Amino acid sequence: FGGGCLPKDIRAFMARAGELGADQALTFLREVDSINMRRRGHMVELAREAVGGGSFLGTRVAVLGATFKPDSDDVRDSPAL
């Protein structure tokens, strides 16, 4: 996701599509939401591979770029945090 608004907006569109019976739109939006949520886990797995595939216990990890766009201080719903 990019920023704090996109996740809630997609879910609001999903709710409205459900109310309107727009099944194709609802299916599409559910998949968009699912893909975006899986990206978080994918990043954790990439980091795990970078430290040898084991546990993060005792490992220091730096997160660079915690905001969703350059020159922003908005970290709402930041997956990096």
C-alpha atoms as a PDB file:
ATOM      1  CA  PHE A   1       0.000   0.000   0.000  1.00  0.00           C
ATOM      2  CA  GLY A   2       1.049   3.583  -0.435  1.00  0.00           C
ATOM      3  CA  GLY A   3       0.024   5.769   2.470  1.00  0.00           C
ATOM      4  CA  GLY A   4      -2.665   5.662   5.074  1.00  0.00           C
ATOM      5  CA  CYS A   5      -5.616   6.388   2.790  1.00  0.00           C
ATOM      6  CA  LEU A   6      -5.308   3.707   0.119  1.00  0.00           C
ATOM      7  CA  PRO A   7      -6.097   0.704   2.365  1.00  0.00           C
ATOM      8  CA  LYS A   8      -9.218   2.318   3.820  1.00  0.00           C
ATOM      9  CA  ASP A   9     -10.318   3.613   0.416  1.00  0.00           C
ATOM     10  CA  ILE A  10     -10.055   0.175  -1.183  1.00  0.00           C
ATOM     11  CA  ARG A  11     -12.059  -1.318   1.671  1.00  0.00           C
ATOM     12  CA  ALA A  12     -14.685   1.424   1.354  1.00  0.00           C
ATOM     13  CA  PHE A  13     -14.964   0.679  -2.386  1.00  0.00           C
ATOM     14  CA  MET A  14     -15.340  -3.009  -1.513  1.00  0.00           C
ATOM     15  CA  ALA A  15     -18.185  -2.257   0.884  1.00  0.00           C
ATOM     16  CA  ARG A  16     -19.949  -0.092  -1.687  1.00  0.00           C
ATOM     17  CA  ALA A  17     -19.454  -2.651  -4.468  1.00  0.00           C
ATOM     18  CA  GLY A  18     -21.019  -5.250  -2.176  1.00  0.00           C
ATOM     19  CA  GLU A  19     -24.001  -2.985  -1.494  1.00  0.00           C
ATOM     20  CA  LEU A  20     -24.506  -2.429  -5.216  1.00  0.00           C
ATOM     21  CA  GLY A  21     -24.105  -6.088  -6.131  1.00  0.00           C
ATOM     22  CA  ALA A  22     -21.125  -5.288  -8.354  1.00  0.00           C
ATOM     23  CA  ASP A  23     -19.617  -8.748  -8.023  1.00  0.00           C
ATOM     24  CA  GLN A  24     -16.838  -8.352 -10.601  1.00  0.00           C
ATOM     25  CA  ALA A  25     -15.653  -5.112  -9.005  1.00  0.00           C
ATOM     26  CA  LEU A  26     -15.843  -6.675  -5.551  1.00  0.00           C
ATOM     27  CA  THR A  27     -13.800  -9.684  -6.665  1.00  0.00           C
ATOM     28  CA  PHE A  28     -11.189  -7.397  -8.214  1.00  0.00           C
ATOM     29  CA  LEU A  29     -10.946  -5.154  -5.136  1.00  0.00           C
ATOM     30  CA  ARG A  30     -10.642  -8.155  -2.819  1.00  0.00           C
ATOM     31  CA  GLU A  31      -7.720  -9.384  -4.899  1.00  0.00           C
ATOM     32  CA  VAL A  32      -6.066  -5.938  -4.831  1.00  0.00           C
ATOM     33  CA  ASP A  33      -6.382  -5.873  -1.036  1.00  0.00           C
ATOM     34  CA  SER A  34      -5.071  -9.421  -0.728  1.00  0.00           C
ATOM     35  CA  ILE A  35      -2.048  -8.739  -2.949  1.00  0.00           C
ATOM     36  CA  ASN A  36      -1.147  -5.615  -1.006  1.00  0.00           C
ATOM     37  CA  MET A  37      -1.378  -7.446   2.322  1.00  0.00           C
ATOM     38  CA  ARG A  38       0.807 -10.316   1.044  1.00  0.00           C
ATOM     39  CA  ARG A  39       3.524  -7.844   0.039  1.00  0.00           C
ATOM     40  CA  ARG A  40       4.222  -7.179   3.729  1.00  0.00           C
ATOM     41  CA  GLY A  41       4.930 -10.835   4.408  1.00  0.00           C
ATOM     42  CA  HIS A  42       7.022 -11.064   1.253  1.00  0.00           C
ATOM     43  CA  MET A  43       9.302  -8.285   2.507  1.00  0.00           C
ATOM     44  CA  VAL A  44       9.758 -10.096   5.819  1.00  0.00           C
ATOM     45  CA  GLU A  45      10.751 -13.255   3.942  1.00  0.00           C
ATOM     46  CA  LEU A  46      13.253 -11.321   1.806  1.00  0.00           C
ATOM     47  CA  ALA A  47      14.802  -9.891   4.972  1.00  0.00           C
ATOM     48  CA  ARG A  48      14.882 -13.362   6.547  1.00  0.00           C
ATOM     49  CA  GLU A  49      16.752 -14.707   3.514  1.00  0.00           C
ATOM     50  CA  ALA A  50      19.214 -11.810   3.777  1.00  0.00           C
ATOM     51  CA  VAL A  51      20.133 -12.846   7.343  1.00  0.00           C
ATOM     52  CA  GLY A  52      20.649 -16.473   6.412  1.00  0.00           C
ATOM     53  CA  GLY A  53      17.113 -17.789   6.498  1.00  0.00           C
ATOM     54  CA  GLY A  54      16.834 -18.200  10.237  1.00  0.00           C
ATOM     55  CA  SER A  55      15.471 -16.229  13.118  1.00  0.00           C
ATOM     56  CA  PHE A  56      15.665 -12.468  13.536  1.00  0.00           C
ATOM     57  CA  LEU A  57      16.352 -12.973  17.248  1.00  0.00           C
ATOM     58  CA  GLY A  58      19.393 -10.862  18.159  1.00  0.00           C
ATOM     59  CA  THR A  59      19.577  -9.350  14.666  1.00  0.00           C
ATOM     60  CA  ARG A  60      19.529  -5.608  14.115  1.00  0.00           C
ATOM     61  CA  VAL A  61      17.410  -4.477  11.212  1.00  0.00           C
ATOM     62  CA  ALA A  62      17.361  -0.927   9.821  1.00  0.00           C
ATOM     63  CA  VAL A  63      14.275   0.345   8.039  1.00  0.00           C
ATOM     64  CA  LEU A  64      14.940   3.092   5.519  1.00  0.00           C
ATOM     65  CA  GLY A  65      12.118   4.936   3.845  1.00  0.00           C
ATOM     66  CA  ALA A  66       9.325   4.517   6.380  1.00  0.00           C
ATOM     67  CA  THR A  67       6.974   6.959   4.657  1.00  0.00           C
ATOM     68  CA  PHE A  68       4.974   6.205   1.546  1.00  0.00           C
ATOM     69  CA  LYS A  69       6.523   8.962  -0.582  1.00  0.00           C
ATOM     70  CA  PRO A  70       9.594  11.220  -0.558  1.00  0.00           C
ATOM     71  CA  ASP A  71       9.604  14.393   1.549  1.00  0.00           C
ATOM     72  CA  SER A  72       6.645  13.215   3.637  1.00  0.00           C
ATOM     73  CA  ASP A  73       6.452  12.769   7.388  1.00  0.00           C
ATOM     74  CA  ASP A  74       3.228  10.745   7.182  1.00  0.00           C
ATOM     75  CA  VAL A  75       3.871   7.226   8.482  1.00  0.00           C
ATOM     76  CA  ARG A  76       0.229   6.182   9.004  1.00  0.00           C
ATOM     77  CA  ASP A  77      -0.218   2.465   8.318  1.00  0.00           C
ATOM     78  CA  SER A  78       3.412   2.215   7.203  1.00  0.00           C
ATOM     79  CA  PRO A  79       4.272  -1.457   6.683  1.00  0.00           C
ATOM     80  CA  ALA A  80       7.889  -0.573   7.463  1.00  0.00           C
ATOM     81  CA  LEU A  81       6.963   0.220  11.046  1.00  0.00           C
END
